[in-house]
PDB file of N, CA and C in Angstrom:
ATOM      1  N   MET A   1     189.154 142.209 127.669  1.00  0.00           N
ATOM      2  CA  MET A   1     189.856 141.914 126.433  1.00  0.00           C
ATOM      3  C   MET A   1     189.944 143.187 125.576  1.00  0.00           C
ATOM      4  N   THR A   2     191.087 143.390 124.999  1.00  0.00           N
ATOM      5  CA  THR A   2     191.315 144.539 124.134  1.00  0.00           C
ATOM      6  C   THR A   2     190.932 144.177 122.708  1.00  0.00           C
ATOM      7  N   ARG A   3     190.325 145.102 122.003  1.00  0.00           N
ATOM      8  CA  ARG A   3     189.931 144.878 120.612  1.00  0.00           C
ATOM      9  C   ARG A   3     190.824 145.697 119.692  1.00  0.00           C
ATOM     10  N   ARG A   4     191.033 145.188 118.489  1.00  0.00           N
ATOM     11  CA  ARG A   4     191.823 145.931 117.513  1.00  0.00           C
ATOM     12  C   ARG A   4     190.968 147.060 116.944  1.00  0.00           C
ATOM     13  N   SER A   5     191.618 148.043 116.420  1.00  0.00           N
ATOM     14  CA  SER A   5     190.925 149.149 115.786  1.00  0.00           C
ATOM     15  C   SER A   5     190.319 148.681 114.469  1.00  0.00           C
ATOM     16  N   ASN A   6     189.168 149.222 114.107  1.00  0.00           N
ATOM     17  CA  ASN A   6     188.541 148.886 112.826  1.00  0.00           C
ATOM     18  C   ASN A   6     189.291 149.507 111.651  1.00  0.00           C
ATOM     19  N   SER A   7     190.228 150.396 111.943  1.00  0.00           N
ATOM     20  CA  SER A   7     190.924 151.105 110.870  1.00  0.00           C
ATOM     21  C   SER A   7     192.246 150.452 110.466  1.00  0.00           C
ATOM     22  N   ILE A   8     192.531 149.241 110.949  1.00  0.00           N
ATOM     23  CA  ILE A   8     193.787 148.570 110.599  1.00  0.00           C
ATOM     24  C   ILE A   8     193.777 148.214 109.118  1.00  0.00           C
ATOM     25  N   ASP A   9     194.825 148.610 108.414  1.00  0.00           N
ATOM     26  CA  ASP A   9     194.983 148.291 106.996  1.00  0.00           C
ATOM     27  C   ASP A   9     195.976 147.144 106.885  1.00  0.00           C
ATOM     28  N   TYR A  10     195.470 145.928 106.650  1.00  0.00           N
ATOM     29  CA  TYR A  10     196.335 144.755 106.616  1.00  0.00           C
ATOM     30  C   TYR A  10     197.225 144.703 105.374  1.00  0.00           C
ATOM     31  N   ALA A  11     197.091 145.675 104.487  1.00  0.00           N
ATOM     32  CA  ALA A  11     198.030 145.757 103.369  1.00  0.00           C
ATOM     33  C   ALA A  11     199.386 146.266 103.862  1.00  0.00           C
ATOM     34  N   VAL A  12     199.381 146.983 104.996  1.00  0.00           N
ATOM     35  CA  VAL A  12     200.628 147.557 105.504  1.00  0.00           C
ATOM     36  C   VAL A  12     200.895 147.259 106.981  1.00  0.00           C
ATOM     37  N   GLN A  13     199.947 146.613 107.683  1.00  0.00           N
ATOM     38  CA  GLN A  13     200.128 146.322 109.101  1.00  0.00           C
ATOM     39  C   GLN A  13     199.671 144.911 109.435  1.00  0.00           C
ATOM     40  N   CYS A  14     200.234 144.362 110.510  1.00  0.00           N
ATOM     41  CA  CYS A  14     199.738 143.108 111.064  1.00  0.00           C
ATOM     42  C   CYS A  14     199.410 143.354 112.538  1.00  0.00           C
ATOM     43  N   THR A  15     198.574 142.515 113.107  1.00  0.00           N
ATOM     44  CA  THR A  15     198.182 142.629 114.505  1.00  0.00           C
ATOM     45  C   THR A  15     198.862 141.527 115.304  1.00  0.00           C
ATOM     46  N   ILE A  16     199.458 141.891 116.426  1.00  0.00           N
ATOM     47  CA  ILE A  16     200.090 140.937 117.332  1.00  0.00           C
ATOM     48  C   ILE A  16     199.228 140.878 118.586  1.00  0.00           C
ATOM     49  N   CYS A  17     198.946 139.675 119.054  1.00  0.00           N
ATOM     50  CA  CYS A  17     198.098 139.470 120.218  1.00  0.00           C
ATOM     51  C   CYS A  17     198.848 138.600 121.224  1.00  0.00           C
ATOM     52  N   ILE A  18     198.999 139.092 122.446  1.00  0.00           N
ATOM     53  CA  ILE A  18     199.651 138.355 123.526  1.00  0.00           C
ATOM     54  C   ILE A  18     198.579 138.014 124.552  1.00  0.00           C
ATOM     55  N   ASP A  19     198.260 136.737 124.704  1.00  0.00           N
ATOM     56  CA  ASP A  19     197.314 136.297 125.729  1.00  0.00           C
ATOM     57  C   ASP A  19     198.098 135.869 126.957  1.00  0.00           C
ATOM     58  N   TYR A  20     197.643 136.309 128.132  1.00  0.00           N
ATOM     59  CA  TYR A  20     198.320 135.924 129.367  1.00  0.00           C
ATOM     60  C   TYR A  20     197.312 135.815 130.499  1.00  0.00           C
ATOM     61  N   ASP A  21     197.715 135.134 131.563  1.00  0.00           N
ATOM     62  CA  ASP A  21     196.869 134.930 132.734  1.00  0.00           C
ATOM     63  C   ASP A  21     197.466 135.721 133.892  1.00  0.00           C
ATOM     64  N   GLU A  22     196.619 136.487 134.563  1.00  0.00           N
ATOM     65  CA  GLU A  22     197.065 137.290 135.700  1.00  0.00           C
ATOM     66  C   GLU A  22     196.096 137.071 136.849  1.00  0.00           C
ATOM     67  N   SER A  23     196.532 136.348 137.860  1.00  0.00           N
ATOM     68  CA  SER A  23     195.709 136.036 139.039  1.00  0.00           C
ATOM     69  C   SER A  23     194.407 135.357 138.650  1.00  0.00           C
ATOM     70  N   GLY A  24     194.475 134.425 137.723  1.00  0.00           N
ATOM     71  CA  GLY A  24     193.300 133.669 137.305  1.00  0.00           C
ATOM     72  C   GLY A  24     192.409 134.371 136.303  1.00  0.00           C
ATOM     73  N   VAL A  25     192.810 135.545 135.849  1.00  0.00           N
ATOM     74  CA  VAL A  25     192.025 136.314 134.881  1.00  0.00           C
ATOM     75  C   VAL A  25     192.764 136.322 133.542  1.00  0.00           C
ATOM     76  N   ALA A  26     192.057 135.951 132.473  1.00  0.00           N
ATOM     77  CA  ALA A  26     192.652 135.973 131.130  1.00  0.00           C
ATOM     78  C   ALA A  26     192.707 137.409 130.628  1.00  0.00           C
ATOM     79  N   ASN A  27     193.870 137.825 130.166  1.00  0.00           N
ATOM     80  CA  ASN A  27     194.069 139.169 129.633  1.00  0.00           C
ATOM     81  C   ASN A  27     194.735 139.085 128.273  1.00  0.00           C
ATOM     82  N   ARG A  28     194.697 140.206 127.556  1.00  0.00           N
ATOM     83  CA  ARG A  28     195.240 140.242 126.201  1.00  0.00           C
ATOM     84  C   ARG A  28     195.858 141.606 125.923  1.00  0.00           C
ATOM     85  N   ILE A  29     197.037 141.578 125.323  1.00  0.00           N
ATOM     86  CA  ILE A  29     197.697 142.788 124.833  1.00  0.00           C
ATOM     87  C   ILE A  29     197.644 142.712 123.312  1.00  0.00           C
ATOM     88  N   VAL A  30     197.189 143.780 122.665  1.00  0.00           N
ATOM     89  CA  VAL A  30     197.078 143.802 121.204  1.00  0.00           C
ATOM     90  C   VAL A  30     197.798 145.046 120.683  1.00  0.00           C
ATOM     91  N   TYR A  31     198.644 144.848 119.673  1.00  0.00           N
ATOM     92  CA  TYR A  31     199.311 145.984 119.051  1.00  0.00           C
ATOM     93  C   TYR A  31     199.555 145.689 117.572  1.00  0.00           C
ATOM     94  N   GLU A  32     199.850 146.739 116.817  1.00  0.00           N
ATOM     95  CA  GLU A  32     200.075 146.613 115.378  1.00  0.00           C
ATOM     96  C   GLU A  32     201.535 146.877 115.036  1.00  0.00           C
ATOM     97  N   ARG A  33     201.978 146.240 113.952  1.00  0.00           N
ATOM     98  CA  ARG A  33     203.336 146.400 113.422  1.00  0.00           C
ATOM     99  C   ARG A  33     203.255 146.533 111.907  1.00  0.00           C
ATOM    100  N   PRO A  34     204.214 147.251 111.309  1.00  0.00           N
ATOM    101  CA  PRO A  34     204.244 147.333 109.848  1.00  0.00           C
ATOM    102  C   PRO A  34     204.500 145.960 109.223  1.00  0.00           C
ATOM    103  N   GLN A  35     203.933 145.744 108.066  1.00  0.00           N
ATOM    104  CA  GLN A  35     204.202 144.521 107.303  1.00  0.00           C
ATOM    105  C   GLN A  35     204.067 144.822 105.820  1.00  0.00           C
ATOM    106  N   MET A  36     204.623 143.955 105.017  1.00  0.00           N
ATOM    107  CA  MET A  36     204.503 144.067 103.563  1.00  0.00           C
ATOM    108  C   MET A  36     203.682 142.884 103.067  1.00  0.00           C
ATOM    109  N   GLN A  37     202.723 143.162 102.225  1.00  0.00           N
ATOM    110  CA  GLN A  37     201.942 142.083 101.628  1.00  0.00           C
ATOM    111  C   GLN A  37     202.773 141.402 100.549  1.00  0.00           C
ATOM    112  N   ILE A  38     202.677 140.094 100.502  1.00  0.00           N
ATOM    113  CA  ILE A  38     203.393 139.313  99.501  1.00  0.00           C
ATOM    114  C   ILE A  38     202.482 139.150  98.281  1.00  0.00           C
ATOM    115  N   PRO A  39     202.902 139.622  97.115  1.00  0.00           N
ATOM    116  CA  PRO A  39     202.064 139.460  95.924  1.00  0.00           C
ATOM    117  C   PRO A  39     201.993 137.993  95.488  1.00  0.00           C
ATOM    118  N   ASP A  40     200.958 137.664  94.763  1.00  0.00           N
ATOM    119  CA  ASP A  40     200.751 136.291  94.279  1.00  0.00           C
ATOM    120  C   ASP A  40     201.487 136.095  92.948  1.00  0.00           C
ATOM    121  N   ARG A  41     202.791 136.310  92.983  1.00  0.00           N
ATOM    122  CA  ARG A  41     203.666 136.163  91.816  1.00  0.00           C
ATOM    123  C   ARG A  41     205.095 136.193  92.331  1.00  0.00           C
ATOM    124  N   PRO A  42     206.059 135.865  91.503  1.00  0.00           N
ATOM    125  CA  PRO A  42     207.454 135.952  91.953  1.00  0.00           C
ATOM    126  C   PRO A  42     207.805 137.394  92.349  1.00  0.00           C
ATOM    127  N   LEU A  43     208.600 137.522  93.399  1.00  0.00           N
ATOM    128  CA  LEU A  43     208.989 138.845  93.876  1.00  0.00           C
ATOM    129  C   LEU A  43     210.088 139.448  93.009  1.00  0.00           C
ATOM    130  N   THR A  44     210.008 140.752  92.811  1.00  0.00           N
ATOM    131  CA  THR A  44     211.085 141.467  92.131  1.00  0.00           C
ATOM    132  C   THR A  44     212.241 141.637  93.120  1.00  0.00           C
ATOM    133  N   ALA A  45     213.389 142.030  92.632  1.00  0.00           N
ATOM    134  CA  ALA A  45     214.546 142.259  93.507  1.00  0.00           C
ATOM    135  C   ALA A  45     214.231 143.353  94.529  1.00  0.00           C
ATOM    136  N   PHE A  46     213.534 144.393  94.093  1.00  0.00           N
ATOM    137  CA  PHE A  46     213.164 145.481  95.000  1.00  0.00           C
ATOM    138  C   PHE A  46     212.214 144.977  96.086  1.00  0.00           C
ATOM    139  N   GLU A  47     211.227 144.164  95.713  1.00  0.00           N
ATOM    140  CA  GLU A  47     210.284 143.618  96.697  1.00  0.00           C
ATOM    141  C   GLU A  47     210.995 142.704  97.692  1.00  0.00           C
ATOM    142  N   GLN A  48     211.959 141.929  97.224  1.00  0.00           N
ATOM    143  CA  GLN A  48     212.730 141.070  98.130  1.00  0.00           C
ATOM    144  C   GLN A  48     213.509 141.909  99.139  1.00  0.00           C
ATOM    145  N   MET A  49     214.055 143.015  98.680  1.00  0.00           N
ATOM    146  CA  MET A  49     214.794 143.906  99.564  1.00  0.00           C
ATOM    147  C   MET A  49     213.850 144.529 100.603  1.00  0.00           C
ATOM    148  N   ARG A  50     212.691 144.983 100.156  1.00  0.00           N
ATOM    149  CA  ARG A  50     211.708 145.566 101.078  1.00  0.00           C
ATOM    150  C   ARG A  50     211.219 144.541 102.082  1.00  0.00           C
ATOM    151  N   LEU A  51     210.977 143.318 101.628  1.00  0.00           N
ATOM    152  CA  LEU A  51     210.484 142.259 102.505  1.00  0.00           C
ATOM    153  C   LEU A  51     211.486 141.956 103.615  1.00  0.00           C
ATOM    154  N   ALA A  52     212.759 141.997 103.294  1.00  0.00           N
ATOM    155  CA  ALA A  52     213.801 141.714 104.283  1.00  0.00           C
ATOM    156  C   ALA A  52     213.832 142.758 105.400  1.00  0.00           C
ATOM    157  N   GLN A  53     213.229 143.913 105.175  1.00  0.00           N
ATOM    158  CA  GLN A  53     213.206 144.971 106.182  1.00  0.00           C
ATOM    159  C   GLN A  53     212.107 144.760 107.219  1.00  0.00           C
ATOM    160  N   HIS A  54     211.184 143.838 106.971  1.00  0.00           N
ATOM    161  CA  HIS A  54     210.076 143.576 107.889  1.00  0.00           C
ATOM    162  C   HIS A  54     210.343 142.288 108.663  1.00  0.00           C
ATOM    163  N   PRO A  55     209.985 142.262 109.948  1.00  0.00           N
ATOM    164  CA  PRO A  55     210.239 141.057 110.751  1.00  0.00           C
ATOM    165  C   PRO A  55     209.361 139.884 110.320  1.00  0.00           C
ATOM    166  N   ASP A  56     209.928 138.677 110.408  1.00  0.00           N
ATOM    167  CA  ASP A  56     209.146 137.475 110.122  1.00  0.00           C
ATOM    168  C   ASP A  56     208.407 137.052 111.399  1.00  0.00           C
ATOM    169  N   ASP A  57     207.617 135.967 111.319  1.00  0.00           N
ATOM    170  CA  ASP A  57     206.814 135.534 112.464  1.00  0.00           C
ATOM    171  C   ASP A  57     207.673 135.198 113.679  1.00  0.00           C
ATOM    172  N   GLU A  58     208.823 134.589 113.453  1.00  0.00           N
ATOM    173  CA  GLU A  58     209.703 134.241 114.577  1.00  0.00           C
ATOM    174  C   GLU A  58     210.191 135.500 115.294  1.00  0.00           C
ATOM    175  N   ALA A  59     210.579 136.509 114.528  1.00  0.00           N
ATOM    176  CA  ALA A  59     211.043 137.764 115.125  1.00  0.00           C
ATOM    177  C   ALA A  59     209.908 138.467 115.861  1.00  0.00           C
ATOM    178  N   LEU A  60     208.693 138.441 115.295  1.00  0.00           N
ATOM    179  CA  LEU A  60     207.549 139.060 115.962  1.00  0.00           C
ATOM    180  C   LEU A  60     207.199 138.330 117.251  1.00  0.00           C
ATOM    181  N   THR A  61     207.322 137.006 117.253  1.00  0.00           N
ATOM    182  CA  THR A  61     207.058 136.221 118.464  1.00  0.00           C
ATOM    183  C   THR A  61     208.082 136.559 119.543  1.00  0.00           C
ATOM    184  N   MET A  62     209.343 136.643 119.170  1.00  0.00           N
ATOM    185  CA  MET A  62     210.388 137.007 120.138  1.00  0.00           C
ATOM    186  C   MET A  62     210.150 138.418 120.678  1.00  0.00           C
ATOM    187  N   GLU A  63     209.726 139.336 119.806  1.00  0.00           N
ATOM    188  CA  GLU A  63     209.428 140.696 120.231  1.00  0.00           C
ATOM    189  C   GLU A  63     208.274 140.700 121.229  1.00  0.00           C
ATOM    190  N   ALA A  64     207.217 139.938 120.954  1.00  0.00           N
ATOM    191  CA  ALA A  64     206.057 139.881 121.851  1.00  0.00           C
ATOM    192  C   ALA A  64     206.452 139.318 123.213  1.00  0.00           C
ATOM    193  N   LYS A  65     207.283 138.285 123.229  1.00  0.00           N
ATOM    194  CA  LYS A  65     207.758 137.718 124.503  1.00  0.00           C
ATOM    195  C   LYS A  65     208.565 138.758 125.279  1.00  0.00           C
ATOM    196  N   ALA A  66     209.380 139.528 124.580  1.00  0.00           N
ATOM    197  CA  ALA A  66     210.180 140.567 125.230  1.00  0.00           C
ATOM    198  C   ALA A  66     209.285 141.669 125.793  1.00  0.00           C
ATOM    199  N   ILE A  67     208.237 142.040 125.065  1.00  0.00           N
ATOM    200  CA  ILE A  67     207.291 143.052 125.547  1.00  0.00           C
ATOM    201  C   ILE A  67     206.605 142.556 126.813  1.00  0.00           C
ATOM    202  N   PHE A  68     206.154 141.295 126.813  1.00  0.00           N
ATOM    203  CA  PHE A  68     205.507 140.710 127.987  1.00  0.00           C
ATOM    204  C   PHE A  68     206.469 140.726 129.184  1.00  0.00           C
ATOM    205  N   ALA A  69     207.701 140.277 128.983  1.00  0.00           N
ATOM    206  CA  ALA A  69     208.690 140.243 130.063  1.00  0.00           C
ATOM    207  C   ALA A  69     208.984 141.650 130.582  1.00  0.00           C
ATOM    208  N   ASP A  70     209.080 142.621 129.676  1.00  0.00           N
ATOM    209  CA  ASP A  70     209.345 144.000 130.062  1.00  0.00           C
ATOM    210  C   ASP A  70     208.186 144.570 130.875  1.00  0.00           C
ATOM    211  N   MET A  71     206.960 144.260 130.484  1.00  0.00           N
ATOM    212  CA  MET A  71     205.793 144.747 131.227  1.00  0.00           C
ATOM    213  C   MET A  71     205.761 144.153 132.636  1.00  0.00           C
ATOM    214  N   ARG A  72     206.135 142.899 132.777  1.00  0.00           N
ATOM    215  CA  ARG A  72     206.218 142.285 134.118  1.00  0.00           C
ATOM    216  C   ARG A  72     207.328 142.933 134.933  1.00  0.00           C
ATOM    217  N   ARG A  73     208.478 143.107 134.325  1.00  0.00           N
ATOM    218  CA  ARG A  73     209.636 143.685 135.016  1.00  0.00           C
ATOM    219  C   ARG A  73     209.343 145.113 135.495  1.00  0.00           C
ATOM    220  N   ASN A  74     208.606 145.884 134.691  1.00  0.00           N
ATOM    221  CA  ASN A  74     208.315 147.282 135.024  1.00  0.00           C
ATOM    222  C   ASN A  74     207.034 147.465 135.826  1.00  0.00           C
ATOM    223  N   GLY A  75     206.374 146.368 136.194  1.00  0.00           N
ATOM    224  CA  GLY A  75     205.188 146.452 137.040  1.00  0.00           C
ATOM    225  C   GLY A  75     203.903 146.838 136.335  1.00  0.00           C
ATOM    226  N   ARG A  76     203.893 146.854 135.016  1.00  0.00           N
ATOM    227  CA  ARG A  76     202.645 147.177 134.296  1.00  0.00           C
ATOM    228  C   ARG A  76     201.660 146.022 134.385  1.00  0.00           C
ATOM    229  N   ILE A  77     202.184 144.799 134.552  1.00  0.00           N
ATOM    230  CA  ILE A  77     201.378 143.628 134.882  1.00  0.00           C
ATOM    231  C   ILE A  77     202.089 142.944 136.049  1.00  0.00           C
ATOM    232  N   SER A  78     201.370 142.120 136.803  1.00  0.00           N
ATOM    233  CA  SER A  78     201.958 141.544 138.017  1.00  0.00           C
ATOM    234  C   SER A  78     203.058 140.533 137.698  1.00  0.00           C
ATOM    235  N   GLN A  79     203.950 140.357 138.660  1.00  0.00           N
ATOM    236  CA  GLN A  79     205.039 139.393 138.523  1.00  0.00           C
ATOM    237  C   GLN A  79     204.514 137.970 138.386  1.00  0.00           C
ATOM    238  N   SER A  80     203.295 137.724 138.885  1.00  0.00           N
ATOM    239  CA  SER A  80     202.723 136.374 138.822  1.00  0.00           C
ATOM    240  C   SER A  80     202.055 136.074 137.479  1.00  0.00           C
ATOM    241  N   ALA A  81     201.964 137.069 136.599  1.00  0.00           N
ATOM    242  CA  ALA A  81     201.329 136.863 135.287  1.00  0.00           C
ATOM    243  C   ALA A  81     202.110 135.816 134.495  1.00  0.00           C
ATOM    244  N   THR A  82     201.372 134.942 133.816  1.00  0.00           N
ATOM    245  CA  THR A  82     202.016 133.904 133.006  1.00  0.00           C
ATOM    246  C   THR A  82     201.604 134.058 131.545  1.00  0.00           C
ATOM    247  N   LEU A  83     202.577 133.918 130.677  1.00  0.00           N
ATOM    248  CA  LEU A  83     202.340 134.035 129.237  1.00  0.00           C
ATOM    249  C   LEU A  83     201.539 132.840 128.750  1.00  0.00           C
ATOM    250  N   GLY A  84     200.474 133.108 128.022  1.00  0.00           N
ATOM    251  CA  GLY A  84     199.667 132.037 127.445  1.00  0.00           C
ATOM    252  C   GLY A  84     200.095 131.760 126.017  1.00  0.00           C
ATOM    253  N   SER A  85     199.644 132.592 125.095  1.00  0.00           N
ATOM    254  CA  SER A  85     199.953 132.366 123.685  1.00  0.00           C
ATOM    255  C   SER A  85     200.154 133.696 122.973  1.00  0.00           C
ATOM    256  N   ILE A  86     200.789 133.598 121.814  1.00  0.00           N
ATOM    257  CA  ILE A  86     201.039 134.763 120.970  1.00  0.00           C
ATOM    258  C   ILE A  86     200.479 134.453 119.592  1.00  0.00           C
ATOM    259  N   PHE A  87     199.650 135.361 119.075  1.00  0.00           N
ATOM    260  CA  PHE A  87     199.061 135.203 117.748  1.00  0.00           C
ATOM    261  C   PHE A  87     199.503 136.361 116.872  1.00  0.00           C
ATOM    262  N   ILE A  88     199.695 136.074 115.596  1.00  0.00           N
ATOM    263  CA  ILE A  88     200.045 137.100 114.619  1.00  0.00           C
ATOM    264  C   ILE A  88     199.012 137.036 113.504  1.00  0.00           C
ATOM    265  N   ALA A  89     198.263 138.123 113.328  1.00  0.00           N
ATOM    266  CA  ALA A  89     197.255 138.189 112.266  1.00  0.00           C
ATOM    267  C   ALA A  89     197.799 139.057 111.147  1.00  0.00           C
ATOM    268  N   ARG A  90     198.022 138.447 109.996  1.00  0.00           N
ATOM    269  CA  ARG A  90     198.533 139.199 108.848  1.00  0.00           C
ATOM    270  C   ARG A  90     197.425 139.575 107.867  1.00  0.00           C
ATOM    271  N   THR A  91     196.199 139.108 108.135  1.00  0.00           N
ATOM    272  CA  THR A  91     195.044 139.447 107.296  1.00  0.00           C
ATOM    273  C   THR A  91     193.857 139.761 108.196  1.00  0.00           C
ATOM    274  N   SER A  92     192.877 140.485 107.661  1.00  0.00           N
ATOM    275  CA  SER A  92     191.684 140.786 108.453  1.00  0.00           C
ATOM    276  C   SER A  92     190.917 139.512 108.782  1.00  0.00           C
ATOM    277  N   ALA A  93     190.940 138.525 107.883  1.00  0.00           N
ATOM    278  CA  ALA A  93     190.262 137.253 108.152  1.00  0.00           C
ATOM    279  C   ALA A  93     190.891 136.555 109.356  1.00  0.00           C
ATOM    280  N   ALA A  94     192.209 136.588 109.450  1.00  0.00           N
ATOM    281  CA  ALA A  94     192.891 135.980 110.599  1.00  0.00           C
ATOM    282  C   ALA A  94     192.548 136.724 111.882  1.00  0.00           C
ATOM    283  N   ALA A  95     192.457 138.041 111.816  1.00  0.00           N
ATOM    284  CA  ALA A  95     192.099 138.826 113.001  1.00  0.00           C
ATOM    285  C   ALA A  95     190.687 138.490 113.469  1.00  0.00           C
ATOM    286  N   LEU A  96     189.765 138.351 112.537  1.00  0.00           N
ATOM    287  CA  LEU A  96     188.397 137.973 112.903  1.00  0.00           C
ATOM    288  C   LEU A  96     188.366 136.585 113.517  1.00  0.00           C
ATOM    289  N   GLU A  97     189.156 135.677 112.963  1.00  0.00           N
ATOM    290  CA  GLU A  97     189.235 134.316 113.486  1.00  0.00           C
ATOM    291  C   GLU A  97     189.771 134.310 114.917  1.00  0.00           C
ATOM    292  N   MET A  98     190.647 135.250 115.233  1.00  0.00           N
ATOM    293  CA  MET A  98     191.224 135.354 116.564  1.00  0.00           C
ATOM    294  C   MET A  98     190.343 136.190 117.488  1.00  0.00           C
ATOM    295  N   ASP A  99     189.179 136.609 117.015  1.00  0.00           N
ATOM    296  CA  ASP A  99     188.232 137.425 117.781  1.00  0.00           C
ATOM    297  C   ASP A  99     188.852 138.750 118.214  1.00  0.00           C
ATOM    298  N   LEU A 100     189.586 139.373 117.300  1.00  0.00           N
ATOM    299  CA  LEU A 100     190.185 140.677 117.591  1.00  0.00           C
ATOM    300  C   LEU A 100     189.270 141.793 117.140  1.00  0.00           C
TER     301      LEU A 100
END
């Protein structure tokens, strides 16, 4: 299992975790993506514009599925590997909960 770096700053990054099975062995791909923290107040017009530049959970999930498919296609993981689940941690608490 791959672990996330202790230096991840969840104010500007989120962690994506792809769990998959390869020949009966559970494996995990972990990577980071930029993100914007949502303040606990109404967003300004500038913040709304900045937020629109970052992918939402659906887009990140589609990206993770594409990465998994690309890794299978290019032989980085076996063709028999099956996708298990995709997790998105936007906070350090969520990452700890996911055992990253």
